[in-house]
């Protein structure tokens, strides 16, 4: 079965970059991109939860609460992109990786490896 991966990003250029990176790192994956958390939740309401979701960090919640909420609704694993990792705090959730923005393709690839979504 093909893994389902989603990108939730309001910036279309960053979304396209992440989509291409996921397709390169996990060639057999189905990758979907959404502009908002609500749009993604609505679109996947009647389908299986994604194996992985890449999201921008929310500014209104603490990281542990946000990760917990998104893990249950969007994906089994998360990559959270943050503009300010130092103030985001940490999470004990082993199914989530927090990366700083700007990020590199290599950082995304390493996160996919550590979450067990991709192989070298």
PDB file of N, CA and C in Angstrom:
ATOM      1  N   UNK A   1       0.833  -1.179   0.000  1.00  0.00           N
ATOM      2  CA  UNK A   1       0.000   0.000   0.000  1.00  0.00           C
ATOM      3  C   UNK A   1       0.883   1.250   0.000  1.00  0.00           C
ATOM      4  N   UNK A   2       0.467   2.239  -0.759  1.00  0.00           N
ATOM      5  CA  UNK A   2       1.225   3.479  -0.849  1.00  0.00           C
ATOM      6  C   UNK A   2       1.026   4.318   0.404  1.00  0.00           C
ATOM      7  N   UNK A   3       2.116   4.856   0.974  1.00  0.00           N
ATOM      8  CA  UNK A   3       1.960   5.739   2.121  1.00  0.00           C
ATOM      9  C   UNK A   3       1.298   7.053   1.695  1.00  0.00           C
ATOM     10  N   UNK A   4       0.471   7.592   2.571  1.00  0.00           N
ATOM     11  CA  UNK A   4      -0.199   8.871   2.322  1.00  0.00           C
ATOM     12  C   UNK A   4       0.493   9.921   3.181  1.00  0.00           C
ATOM     13  N   UNK A   5       0.979  10.981   2.525  1.00  0.00           N
ATOM     14  CA  UNK A   5       1.673  12.065   3.194  1.00  0.00           C
ATOM     15  C   UNK A   5       0.963  13.368   2.867  1.00  0.00           C
ATOM     16  N   UNK A   6       0.854  14.255   3.854  1.00  0.00           N
ATOM     17  CA  UNK A   6       0.213  15.537   3.575  1.00  0.00           C
ATOM     18  C   UNK A   6       1.089  16.694   4.037  1.00  0.00           C
ATOM     19  N   UNK A   7       0.924  17.800   3.327  1.00  0.00           N
ATOM     20  CA  UNK A   7       1.607  19.047   3.640  1.00  0.00           C
ATOM     21  C   UNK A   7       0.526  20.075   3.925  1.00  0.00           C
ATOM     22  N   UNK A   8       0.628  20.745   5.060  1.00  0.00           N
ATOM     23  CA  UNK A   8      -0.305  21.820   5.399  1.00  0.00           C
ATOM     24  C   UNK A   8       0.526  23.089   5.524  1.00  0.00           C
ATOM     25  N   UNK A   9       0.441  23.936   4.507  1.00  0.00           N
ATOM     26  CA  UNK A   9       1.289  25.120   4.455  1.00  0.00           C
ATOM     27  C   UNK A   9       0.570  26.217   3.689  1.00  0.00           C
ATOM     28  N   UNK A  10       0.495  27.411   4.270  1.00  0.00           N
ATOM     29  CA  UNK A  10      -0.199  28.513   3.606  1.00  0.00           C
ATOM     30  C   UNK A  10       0.632  29.179   2.510  1.00  0.00           C
ATOM     31  N   UNK A  11       1.921  28.966   2.515  1.00  0.00           N
ATOM     32  CA  UNK A  11       2.806  29.536   1.492  1.00  0.00           C
ATOM     33  C   UNK A  11       2.915  28.544   0.331  1.00  0.00           C
ATOM     34  N   UNK A  12       2.414  28.890  -0.870  1.00  0.00           N
ATOM     35  CA  UNK A  12       2.409  27.939  -1.979  1.00  0.00           C
ATOM     36  C   UNK A  12       3.803  27.513  -2.447  1.00  0.00           C
ATOM     37  N   UNK A  13       4.782  28.389  -2.342  1.00  0.00           N
ATOM     38  CA  UNK A  13       6.136  28.047  -2.774  1.00  0.00           C
ATOM     39  C   UNK A  13       6.749  27.026  -1.817  1.00  0.00           C
ATOM     40  N   UNK A  14       6.592  27.258  -0.525  1.00  0.00           N
ATOM     41  CA  UNK A  14       7.107  26.320   0.473  1.00  0.00           C
ATOM     42  C   UNK A  14       6.364  24.989   0.361  1.00  0.00           C
ATOM     43  N   UNK A  15       5.074  25.047   0.147  1.00  0.00           N
ATOM     44  CA  UNK A  15       4.260  23.838  -0.013  1.00  0.00           C
ATOM     45  C   UNK A  15       4.748  23.006  -1.199  1.00  0.00           C
ATOM     46  N   UNK A  16       5.005  23.670  -2.316  1.00  0.00           N
ATOM     47  CA  UNK A  16       5.493  22.970  -3.508  1.00  0.00           C
ATOM     48  C   UNK A  16       6.871  22.354  -3.244  1.00  0.00           C
ATOM     49  N   UNK A  17       7.744  23.094  -2.570  1.00  0.00           N
ATOM     50  CA  UNK A  17       9.075  22.591  -2.236  1.00  0.00           C
ATOM     51  C   UNK A  17       8.977  21.347  -1.347  1.00  0.00           C
ATOM     52  N   UNK A  18       8.126  21.400  -0.331  1.00  0.00           N
ATOM     53  CA  UNK A  18       7.949  20.255   0.560  1.00  0.00           C
ATOM     54  C   UNK A  18       7.353  19.054  -0.177  1.00  0.00           C
ATOM     55  N   UNK A  19       6.387  19.311  -1.037  1.00  0.00           N
ATOM     56  CA  UNK A  19       5.761  18.239  -1.816  1.00  0.00           C
ATOM     57  C   UNK A  19       6.804  17.537  -2.684  1.00  0.00           C
ATOM     58  N   UNK A  20       7.640  18.310  -3.354  1.00  0.00           N
ATOM     59  CA  UNK A  20       8.689  17.737  -4.201  1.00  0.00           C
ATOM     60  C   UNK A  20       9.711  16.955  -3.379  1.00  0.00           C
ATOM     61  N   UNK A  21      10.048  17.471  -2.203  1.00  0.00           N
ATOM     62  CA  UNK A  21      10.991  16.777  -1.327  1.00  0.00           C
ATOM     63  C   UNK A  21      10.414  15.445  -0.864  1.00  0.00           C
ATOM     64  N   UNK A  22       9.138  15.443  -0.491  1.00  0.00           N
ATOM     65  CA  UNK A  22       8.497  14.193  -0.065  1.00  0.00           C
ATOM     66  C   UNK A  22       8.452  13.186  -1.203  1.00  0.00           C
ATOM     67  N   UNK A  23       8.137  13.656  -2.405  1.00  0.00           N
ATOM     68  CA  UNK A  23       8.085  12.760  -3.558  1.00  0.00           C
ATOM     69  C   UNK A  23       9.458  12.175  -3.869  1.00  0.00           C
ATOM     70  N   UNK A  24      10.491  12.957  -3.648  1.00  0.00           N
ATOM     71  CA  UNK A  24      11.866  12.485  -3.881  1.00  0.00           C
ATOM     72  C   UNK A  24      12.277  11.482  -2.805  1.00  0.00           C
ATOM     73  N   UNK A  25      11.953  11.755  -1.551  1.00  0.00           N
ATOM     74  CA  UNK A  25      12.376  10.902  -0.439  1.00  0.00           C
ATOM     75  C   UNK A  25      11.531   9.642  -0.291  1.00  0.00           C
ATOM     76  N   UNK A  26      10.260   9.723  -0.665  1.00  0.00           N
ATOM     77  CA  UNK A  26       9.344   8.583  -0.564  1.00  0.00           C
ATOM     78  C   UNK A  26       8.636   8.456  -1.915  1.00  0.00           C
ATOM     79  N   UNK A  27       9.334   7.908  -2.925  1.00  0.00           N
ATOM     80  CA  UNK A  27       8.838   7.922  -4.307  1.00  0.00           C
ATOM     81  C   UNK A  27       7.478   7.265  -4.534  1.00  0.00           C
ATOM     82  N   UNK A  28       7.117   6.292  -3.723  1.00  0.00           N
ATOM     83  CA  UNK A  28       5.845   5.608  -3.929  1.00  0.00           C
ATOM     84  C   UNK A  28       4.689   6.240  -3.160  1.00  0.00           C
ATOM     85  N   UNK A  29       4.928   7.359  -2.494  1.00  0.00           N
ATOM     86  CA  UNK A  29       3.905   7.985  -1.657  1.00  0.00           C
ATOM     87  C   UNK A  29       2.891   8.784  -2.464  1.00  0.00           C
ATOM     88  N   UNK A  30       1.705   8.881  -1.901  1.00  0.00           N
ATOM     89  CA  UNK A  30       0.682   9.802  -2.393  1.00  0.00           C
ATOM     90  C   UNK A  30       0.826  11.053  -1.536  1.00  0.00           C
ATOM     91  N   UNK A  31       1.129  12.185  -2.154  1.00  0.00           N
ATOM     92  CA  UNK A  31       1.362  13.426  -1.416  1.00  0.00           C
ATOM     93  C   UNK A  31       0.248  14.417  -1.755  1.00  0.00           C
ATOM     94  N   UNK A  32      -0.391  14.939  -0.715  1.00  0.00           N
ATOM     95  CA  UNK A  32      -1.441  15.943  -0.895  1.00  0.00           C
ATOM     96  C   UNK A  32      -1.021  17.214  -0.163  1.00  0.00           C
ATOM     97  N   UNK A  33      -1.350  18.360  -0.736  1.00  0.00           N
ATOM     98  CA  UNK A  33      -1.024  19.638  -0.107  1.00  0.00           C
ATOM     99  C   UNK A  33      -2.309  20.412   0.184  1.00  0.00           C
ATOM    100  N   UNK A  34      -2.333  21.057   1.351  1.00  0.00           N
ATOM    101  CA  UNK A  34      -3.472  21.868   1.780  1.00  0.00           C
ATOM    102  C   UNK A  34      -2.965  23.206   2.296  1.00  0.00           C
ATOM    103  N   UNK A  35      -3.796  24.218   2.182  1.00  0.00           N
ATOM    104  CA  UNK A  35      -3.401  25.568   2.599  1.00  0.00           C
ATOM    105  C   UNK A  35      -3.675  25.846   4.071  1.00  0.00           C
ATOM    106  N   UNK A  36      -4.533  25.035   4.716  1.00  0.00           N
ATOM    107  CA  UNK A  36      -4.848  25.279   6.127  1.00  0.00           C
ATOM    108  C   UNK A  36      -5.138  23.968   6.850  1.00  0.00           C
ATOM    109  N   UNK A  37      -5.036  24.020   8.161  1.00  0.00           N
ATOM    110  CA  UNK A  37      -5.340  22.869   9.009  1.00  0.00           C
ATOM    111  C   UNK A  37      -6.795  22.443   8.813  1.00  0.00           C
ATOM    112  N   UNK A  38      -7.711  23.414   8.794  1.00  0.00           N
ATOM    113  CA  UNK A  38      -9.136  23.103   8.622  1.00  0.00           C
ATOM    114  C   UNK A  38      -9.406  22.447   7.269  1.00  0.00           C
ATOM    115  N   UNK A  39      -8.789  22.966   6.217  1.00  0.00           N
ATOM    116  CA  UNK A  39      -8.959  22.396   4.879  1.00  0.00           C
ATOM    117  C   UNK A  39      -8.458  20.948   4.849  1.00  0.00           C
ATOM    118  N   UNK A  40      -7.323  20.703   5.477  1.00  0.00           N
ATOM    119  CA  UNK A  40      -6.768  19.346   5.506  1.00  0.00           C
ATOM    120  C   UNK A  40      -7.677  18.403   6.286  1.00  0.00           C
ATOM    121  N   UNK A  41      -8.159  18.847   7.431  1.00  0.00           N
ATOM    122  CA  UNK A  41      -9.042  18.006   8.247  1.00  0.00           C
ATOM    123  C   UNK A  41     -10.333  17.683   7.504  1.00  0.00           C
ATOM    124  N   UNK A  42     -10.881  18.664   6.827  1.00  0.00           N
ATOM    125  CA  UNK A  42     -12.116  18.449   6.071  1.00  0.00           C
ATOM    126  C   UNK A  42     -11.890  17.469   4.918  1.00  0.00           C
ATOM    127  N   UNK A  43     -10.772  17.605   4.242  1.00  0.00           N
ATOM    128  CA  UNK A  43     -10.483  16.763   3.083  1.00  0.00           C
ATOM    129  C   UNK A  43     -10.232  15.306   3.475  1.00  0.00           C
ATOM    130  N   UNK A  44      -9.651  15.092   4.642  1.00  0.00           N
ATOM    131  CA  UNK A  44      -9.335  13.716   5.039  1.00  0.00           C
ATOM    132  C   UNK A  44     -10.369  13.141   6.000  1.00  0.00           C
ATOM    133  N   UNK A  45     -11.452  13.856   6.208  1.00  0.00           N
ATOM    134  CA  UNK A  45     -12.485  13.433   7.154  1.00  0.00           C
ATOM    135  C   UNK A  45     -12.965  12.015   6.898  1.00  0.00           C
ATOM    136  N   UNK A  46     -13.190  11.663   5.661  1.00  0.00           N
ATOM    137  CA  UNK A  46     -13.727  10.349   5.322  1.00  0.00           C
ATOM    138  C   UNK A  46     -12.688   9.398   4.746  1.00  0.00           C
ATOM    139  N   UNK A  47     -11.426   9.681   4.999  1.00  0.00           N
ATOM    140  CA  UNK A  47     -10.376   8.794   4.501  1.00  0.00           C
ATOM    141  C   UNK A  47      -9.420   8.463   5.644  1.00  0.00           C
ATOM    142  N   UNK A  48      -8.477   7.626   5.359  1.00  0.00           N
ATOM    143  CA  UNK A  48      -7.521   7.208   6.371  1.00  0.00           C
ATOM    144  C   UNK A  48      -6.600   8.364   6.767  1.00  0.00           C
ATOM    145  N   UNK A  49      -6.199   8.370   8.010  1.00  0.00           N
ATOM    146  CA  UNK A  49      -5.250   9.356   8.495  1.00  0.00           C
ATOM    147  C   UNK A  49      -3.930   9.133   7.761  1.00  0.00           C
ATOM    148  N   UNK A  50      -3.259  10.209   7.441  1.00  0.00           N
ATOM    149  CA  UNK A  50      -1.989  10.121   6.714  1.00  0.00           C
ATOM    150  C   UNK A  50      -0.907   9.494   7.585  1.00  0.00           C
ATOM    151  N   UNK A  51       0.058   8.876   6.935  1.00  0.00           N
ATOM    152  CA  UNK A  51       1.199   8.327   7.659  1.00  0.00           C
ATOM    153  C   UNK A  51       2.040   9.462   8.236  1.00  0.00           C
ATOM    154  N   UNK A  52       2.090  10.601   7.513  1.00  0.00           N
ATOM    155  CA  UNK A  52       2.883  11.738   7.957  1.00  0.00           C
ATOM    156  C   UNK A  52       2.231  13.032   7.506  1.00  0.00           C
ATOM    157  N   UNK A  53       2.286  14.035   8.369  1.00  0.00           N
ATOM    158  CA  UNK A  53       1.850  15.382   8.008  1.00  0.00           C
ATOM    159  C   UNK A  53       2.986  16.352   8.319  1.00  0.00           C
ATOM    160  N   UNK A  54       3.219  17.286   7.407  1.00  0.00           N
ATOM    161  CA  UNK A  54       4.170  18.369   7.650  1.00  0.00           C
ATOM    162  C   UNK A  54       3.341  19.637   7.814  1.00  0.00           C
ATOM    163  N   UNK A  55       3.509  20.304   8.942  1.00  0.00           N
ATOM    164  CA  UNK A  55       2.709  21.486   9.252  1.00  0.00           C
ATOM    165  C   UNK A  55       3.599  22.604   9.776  1.00  0.00           C
ATOM    166  N   UNK A  56       3.106  23.818   9.634  1.00  0.00           N
ATOM    167  CA  UNK A  56       3.778  24.968  10.237  1.00  0.00           C
ATOM    168  C   UNK A  56       3.303  25.063  11.679  1.00  0.00           C
ATOM    169  N   UNK A  57       4.187  25.425  12.574  1.00  0.00           N
ATOM    170  CA  UNK A  57       3.824  25.471  13.979  1.00  0.00           C
ATOM    171  C   UNK A  57       2.723  26.499  14.211  1.00  0.00           C
ATOM    172  N   UNK A  58       1.750  26.140  15.025  1.00  0.00           N
ATOM    173  CA  UNK A  58       0.685  27.086  15.351  1.00  0.00           C
ATOM    174  C   UNK A  58       1.214  28.138  16.310  1.00  0.00           C
ATOM    175  N   UNK A  59       0.716  29.343  16.186  1.00  0.00           N
ATOM    176  CA  UNK A  59       1.200  30.412  17.057  1.00  0.00           C
ATOM    177  C   UNK A  59       0.331  30.578  18.298  1.00  0.00           C
ATOM    178  N   UNK A  60      -0.814  29.891  18.332  1.00  0.00           N
ATOM    179  CA  UNK A  60      -1.749  30.106  19.431  1.00  0.00           C
ATOM    180  C   UNK A  60      -1.710  29.036  20.508  1.00  0.00           C
ATOM    181  N   UNK A  61      -1.046  27.929  20.271  1.00  0.00           N
ATOM    182  CA  UNK A  61      -1.005  26.846  21.246  1.00  0.00           C
ATOM    183  C   UNK A  61       0.440  26.504  21.579  1.00  0.00           C
ATOM    184  N   UNK A  62       0.607  25.905  22.729  1.00  0.00           N
ATOM    185  CA  UNK A  62       1.936  25.400  23.048  1.00  0.00           C
ATOM    186  C   UNK A  62       2.201  24.180  22.171  1.00  0.00           C
ATOM    187  N   UNK A  63       3.446  23.882  21.960  1.00  0.00           N
ATOM    188  CA  UNK A  63       3.816  22.784  21.075  1.00  0.00           C
ATOM    189  C   UNK A  63       3.229  21.443  21.503  1.00  0.00           C
ATOM    190  N   UNK A  64       3.344  21.024  22.768  1.00  0.00           N
ATOM    191  CA  UNK A  64       2.798  19.708  23.124  1.00  0.00           C
ATOM    192  C   UNK A  64       1.292  19.581  22.856  1.00  0.00           C
ATOM    193  N   UNK A  65       0.523  20.611  23.163  1.00  0.00           N
ATOM    194  CA  UNK A  65      -0.922  20.573  22.908  1.00  0.00           C
ATOM    195  C   UNK A  65      -1.210  20.526  21.418  1.00  0.00           C
ATOM    196  N   UNK A  66      -0.496  21.311  20.654  1.00  0.00           N
ATOM    197  CA  UNK A  66      -0.714  21.352  19.202  1.00  0.00           C
ATOM    198  C   UNK A  66      -0.361  20.023  18.560  1.00  0.00           C
ATOM    199  N   UNK A  67       0.760  19.440  18.960  1.00  0.00           N
ATOM    200  CA  UNK A  67       1.184  18.159  18.395  1.00  0.00           C
ATOM    201  C   UNK A  67       0.152  17.082  18.718  1.00  0.00           C
ATOM    202  N   UNK A  68      -0.304  17.058  19.955  1.00  0.00           N
ATOM    203  CA  UNK A  68      -1.305  16.067  20.358  1.00  0.00           C
ATOM    204  C   UNK A  68      -2.572  16.194  19.520  1.00  0.00           C
ATOM    205  N   UNK A  69      -3.033  17.419  19.302  1.00  0.00           N
ATOM    206  CA  UNK A  69      -4.254  17.647  18.518  1.00  0.00           C
ATOM    207  C   UNK A  69      -4.059  17.244  17.058  1.00  0.00           C
ATOM    208  N   UNK A  70      -2.920  17.591  16.484  1.00  0.00           N
ATOM    209  CA  UNK A  70      -2.688  17.302  15.064  1.00  0.00           C
ATOM    210  C   UNK A  70      -2.405  15.832  14.807  1.00  0.00           C
ATOM    211  N   UNK A  71      -1.731  15.160  15.749  1.00  0.00           N
ATOM    212  CA  UNK A  71      -1.428  13.742  15.549  1.00  0.00           C
ATOM    213  C   UNK A  71      -2.700  12.934  15.387  1.00  0.00           C
ATOM    214  N   UNK A  72      -3.681  13.222  16.173  1.00  0.00           N
ATOM    215  CA  UNK A  72      -4.917  12.468  16.098  1.00  0.00           C
ATOM    216  C   UNK A  72      -5.743  12.757  14.861  1.00  0.00           C
ATOM    217  N   UNK A  73      -5.615  13.953  14.317  1.00  0.00           N
ATOM    218  CA  UNK A  73      -6.493  14.363  13.221  1.00  0.00           C
ATOM    219  C   UNK A  73      -5.844  14.337  11.847  1.00  0.00           C
ATOM    220  N   UNK A  74      -4.562  14.610  11.772  1.00  0.00           N
ATOM    221  CA  UNK A  74      -3.914  14.721  10.465  1.00  0.00           C
ATOM    222  C   UNK A  74      -3.053  13.530  10.103  1.00  0.00           C
ATOM    223  N   UNK A  75      -2.218  13.120  11.003  1.00  0.00           N
ATOM    224  CA  UNK A  75      -1.278  12.075  10.642  1.00  0.00           C
ATOM    225  C   UNK A  75      -0.806  11.263  11.823  1.00  0.00           C
ATOM    226  N   UNK A  76      -0.237  10.113  11.516  1.00  0.00           N
ATOM    227  CA  UNK A  76       0.328   9.253  12.542  1.00  0.00           C
ATOM    228  C   UNK A  76       1.646   9.812  13.062  1.00  0.00           C
ATOM    229  N   UNK A  77       2.314  10.615  12.207  1.00  0.00           N
ATOM    230  CA  UNK A  77       3.576  11.251  12.567  1.00  0.00           C
ATOM    231  C   UNK A  77       3.546  12.686  12.037  1.00  0.00           C
ATOM    232  N   UNK A  78       4.336  13.551  12.685  1.00  0.00           N
ATOM    233  CA  UNK A  78       4.353  14.966  12.293  1.00  0.00           C
ATOM    234  C   UNK A  78       5.767  15.492  12.153  1.00  0.00           C
ATOM    235  N   UNK A  79       5.933  16.376  11.179  1.00  0.00           N
ATOM    236  CA  UNK A  79       7.089  17.262  11.135  1.00  0.00           C
ATOM    237  C   UNK A  79       6.507  18.660  11.290  1.00  0.00           C
ATOM    238  N   UNK A  80       6.929  19.342  12.348  1.00  0.00           N
ATOM    239  CA  UNK A  80       6.433  20.682  12.640  1.00  0.00           C
ATOM    240  C   UNK A  80       7.529  21.674  12.283  1.00  0.00           C
ATOM    241  N   UNK A  81       7.213  22.622  11.409  1.00  0.00           N
ATOM    242  CA  UNK A  81       8.176  23.649  10.994  1.00  0.00           C
ATOM    243  C   UNK A  81       7.910  24.917  11.796  1.00  0.00           C
ATOM    244  N   UNK A  82       8.945  25.442  12.421  1.00  0.00           N
ATOM    245  CA  UNK A  82       8.777  26.591  13.303  1.00  0.00           C
ATOM    246  C   UNK A  82       9.711  27.727  12.913  1.00  0.00           C
ATOM    247  N   UNK A  83       9.184  28.944  12.994  1.00  0.00           N
ATOM    248  CA  UNK A  83      10.005  30.133  12.753  1.00  0.00           C
ATOM    249  C   UNK A  83      10.932  30.407  13.931  1.00  0.00           C
ATOM    250  N   UNK A  84      10.570  29.915  15.103  1.00  0.00           N
ATOM    251  CA  UNK A  84      11.362  30.171  16.305  1.00  0.00           C
ATOM    252  C   UNK A  84      11.361  28.930  17.190  1.00  0.00           C
ATOM    253  N   UNK A  85      12.225  27.996  16.867  1.00  0.00           N
ATOM    254  CA  UNK A  85      12.291  26.724  17.599  1.00  0.00           C
ATOM    255  C   UNK A  85      12.623  26.958  19.067  1.00  0.00           C
ATOM    256  N   UNK A  86      13.446  27.954  19.359  1.00  0.00           N
ATOM    257  CA  UNK A  86      13.866  28.191  20.741  1.00  0.00           C
ATOM    258  C   UNK A  86      12.684  28.500  21.657  1.00  0.00           C
ATOM    259  N   UNK A  87      11.673  29.179  21.167  1.00  0.00           N
ATOM    260  CA  UNK A  87      10.535  29.527  22.012  1.00  0.00           C
ATOM    261  C   UNK A  87       9.379  28.548  21.882  1.00  0.00           C
ATOM    262  N   UNK A  88       9.521  27.542  21.043  1.00  0.00           N
ATOM    263  CA  UNK A  88       8.442  26.574  20.845  1.00  0.00           C
ATOM    264  C   UNK A  88       8.333  25.592  21.994  1.00  0.00           C
ATOM    265  N   UNK A  89       9.401  25.406  22.747  1.00  0.00           N
ATOM    266  CA  UNK A  89       9.373  24.391  23.787  1.00  0.00           C
ATOM    267  C   UNK A  89       9.692  23.039  23.173  1.00  0.00           C
ATOM    268  N   UNK A  90       9.451  22.013  23.922  1.00  0.00           N
ATOM    269  CA  UNK A  90       9.723  20.668  23.432  1.00  0.00           C
ATOM    270  C   UNK A  90       8.484  19.812  23.587  1.00  0.00           C
ATOM    271  N   UNK A  91       8.535  18.665  22.971  1.00  0.00           N
ATOM    272  CA  UNK A  91       7.448  17.715  23.092  1.00  0.00           C
ATOM    273  C   UNK A  91       8.023  16.343  23.411  1.00  0.00           C
ATOM    274  N   UNK A  92       7.324  15.590  24.213  1.00  0.00           N
ATOM    275  CA  UNK A  92       7.752  14.235  24.540  1.00  0.00           C
ATOM    276  C   UNK A  92       7.246  13.234  23.506  1.00  0.00           C
ATOM    277  N   UNK A  93       6.468  13.711  22.567  1.00  0.00           N
ATOM    278  CA  UNK A  93       5.882  12.821  21.576  1.00  0.00           C
ATOM    279  C   UNK A  93       6.966  12.328  20.641  1.00  0.00           C
ATOM    280  N   UNK A  94       7.182  11.023  20.604  1.00  0.00           N
ATOM    281  CA  UNK A  94       8.249  10.464  19.777  1.00  0.00           C
ATOM    282  C   UNK A  94       7.862  10.409  18.308  1.00  0.00           C
ATOM    283  N   UNK A  95       6.614  10.720  18.013  1.00  0.00           N
ATOM    284  CA  UNK A  95       6.144  10.673  16.634  1.00  0.00           C
ATOM    285  C   UNK A  95       6.148  12.049  15.983  1.00  0.00           C
ATOM    286  N   UNK A  96       6.863  12.991  16.585  1.00  0.00           N
ATOM    287  CA  UNK A  96       6.922  14.342  16.027  1.00  0.00           C
ATOM    288  C   UNK A  96       8.357  14.863  16.059  1.00  0.00           C
ATOM    289  N   UNK A  97       8.704  15.594  15.003  1.00  0.00           N
ATOM    290  CA  UNK A  97      10.012  16.240  14.907  1.00  0.00           C
ATOM    291  C   UNK A  97       9.760  17.721  14.644  1.00  0.00           C
ATOM    292  N   UNK A  98      10.444  18.587  15.387  1.00  0.00           N
ATOM    293  CA  UNK A  98      10.338  20.032  15.182  1.00  0.00           C
ATOM    294  C   UNK A  98      11.590  20.497  14.457  1.00  0.00           C
ATOM    295  N   UNK A  99      11.383  21.180  13.335  1.00  0.00           N
ATOM    296  CA  UNK A  99      12.494  21.709  12.541  1.00  0.00           C
ATOM    297  C   UNK A  99      12.371  23.224  12.433  1.00  0.00           C
ATOM    298  N   UNK A 100      13.500  23.913  12.365  1.00  0.00           N
ATOM    299  CA  UNK A 100      13.451  25.367  12.194  1.00  0.00           C
ATOM    300  C   UNK A 100      13.162  25.739  10.743  1.00  0.00           C
ATOM    301  N   UNK A 101      12.585  26.912  10.582  1.00  0.00           N
ATOM    302  CA  UNK A 101      12.473  27.520   9.265  1.00  0.00           C
ATOM    303  C   UNK A 101      13.532  28.601   9.214  1.00  0.00           C
ATOM    304  N   UNK A 102      14.283  28.753   8.172  1.00  0.00           N
ATOM    305  CA  UNK A 102      14.233  27.953   6.958  1.00  0.00           C
ATOM    306  C   UNK A 102      14.829  26.567   7.195  1.00  0.00           C
ATOM    307  N   UNK A 103      14.428  25.640   6.379  1.00  0.00           N
ATOM    308  CA  UNK A 103      14.870  24.257   6.477  1.00  0.00           C
ATOM    309  C   UNK A 103      15.516  23.865   5.157  1.00  0.00           C
ATOM    310  N   UNK A 104      16.207  22.733   5.178  1.00  0.00           N
ATOM    311  CA  UNK A 104      16.816  22.218   3.954  1.00  0.00           C
ATOM    312  C   UNK A 104      16.168  20.883   3.596  1.00  0.00           C
ATOM    313  N   UNK A 105      16.380  20.463   2.372  1.00  0.00           N
ATOM    314  CA  UNK A 105      15.883  19.161   1.935  1.00  0.00           C
ATOM    315  C   UNK A 105      16.497  18.051   2.787  1.00  0.00           C
ATOM    316  N   UNK A 106      17.757  18.210   3.142  1.00  0.00           N
ATOM    317  CA  UNK A 106      18.439  17.213   3.959  1.00  0.00           C
ATOM    318  C   UNK A 106      17.807  17.110   5.355  1.00  0.00           C
ATOM    319  N   UNK A 107      17.407  18.239   5.930  1.00  0.00           N
ATOM    320  CA  UNK A 107      16.748  18.229   7.240  1.00  0.00           C
ATOM    321  C   UNK A 107      15.421  17.471   7.170  1.00  0.00           C
ATOM    322  N   UNK A 108      14.670  17.683   6.100  1.00  0.00           N
ATOM    323  CA  UNK A 108      13.396  16.976   5.921  1.00  0.00           C
ATOM    324  C   UNK A 108      13.665  15.482   5.749  1.00  0.00           C
ATOM    325  N   UNK A 109      14.656  15.142   4.925  1.00  0.00           N
ATOM    326  CA  UNK A 109      15.003  13.737   4.690  1.00  0.00           C
ATOM    327  C   UNK A 109      15.419  13.056   5.992  1.00  0.00           C
ATOM    328  N   UNK A 110      16.220  13.731   6.813  1.00  0.00           N
ATOM    329  CA  UNK A 110      16.641  13.166   8.099  1.00  0.00           C
ATOM    330  C   UNK A 110      15.449  12.972   9.032  1.00  0.00           C
ATOM    331  N   UNK A 111      14.526  13.932   9.034  1.00  0.00           N
ATOM    332  CA  UNK A 111      13.324  13.803   9.871  1.00  0.00           C
ATOM    333  C   UNK A 111      12.476  12.621   9.417  1.00  0.00           C
ATOM    334  N   UNK A 112      12.340  12.445   8.104  1.00  0.00           N
ATOM    335  CA  UNK A 112      11.582  11.306   7.575  1.00  0.00           C
ATOM    336  C   UNK A 112      12.221   9.990   8.004  1.00  0.00           C
ATOM    337  N   UNK A 113      13.535   9.929   7.981  1.00  0.00           N
ATOM    338  CA  UNK A 113      14.255   8.738   8.441  1.00  0.00           C
ATOM    339  C   UNK A 113      14.023   8.476   9.920  1.00  0.00           C
ATOM    340  N   UNK A 114      14.142   9.517  10.727  1.00  0.00           N
ATOM    341  CA  UNK A 114      13.993   9.327  12.169  1.00  0.00           C
ATOM    342  C   UNK A 114      12.564   8.931  12.561  1.00  0.00           C
ATOM    343  N   UNK A 115      11.594   9.314  11.744  1.00  0.00           N
ATOM    344  CA  UNK A 115      10.203   8.947  12.003  1.00  0.00           C
ATOM    345  C   UNK A 115       9.812   7.614  11.362  1.00  0.00           C
ATOM    346  N   UNK A 116      10.746   7.019  10.635  1.00  0.00           N
ATOM    347  CA  UNK A 116      10.483   5.720  10.008  1.00  0.00           C
ATOM    348  C   UNK A 116       9.615   5.782   8.779  1.00  0.00           C
ATOM    349  N   UNK A 117       9.544   6.949   8.140  1.00  0.00           N
ATOM    350  CA  UNK A 117       8.712   7.109   6.942  1.00  0.00           C
ATOM    351  C   UNK A 117       9.499   6.839   5.675  1.00  0.00           C
ATOM    352  N   UNK A 118      10.798   7.110   5.702  1.00  0.00           N
ATOM    353  CA  UNK A 118      11.645   6.911   4.528  1.00  0.00           C
ATOM    354  C   UNK A 118      12.829   6.040   4.900  1.00  0.00           C
ATOM    355  N   UNK A 119      13.470   5.485   3.883  1.00  0.00           N
ATOM    356  CA  UNK A 119      14.682   4.691   4.067  1.00  0.00           C
ATOM    357  C   UNK A 119      15.788   5.290   3.231  1.00  0.00           C
ATOM    358  N   UNK A 120      16.998   5.109   3.662  1.00  0.00           N
ATOM    359  CA  UNK A 120      18.146   5.621   2.884  1.00  0.00           C
ATOM    360  C   UNK A 120      18.350   4.803   1.652  1.00  0.00           C
TER     361      UNK A 120
END
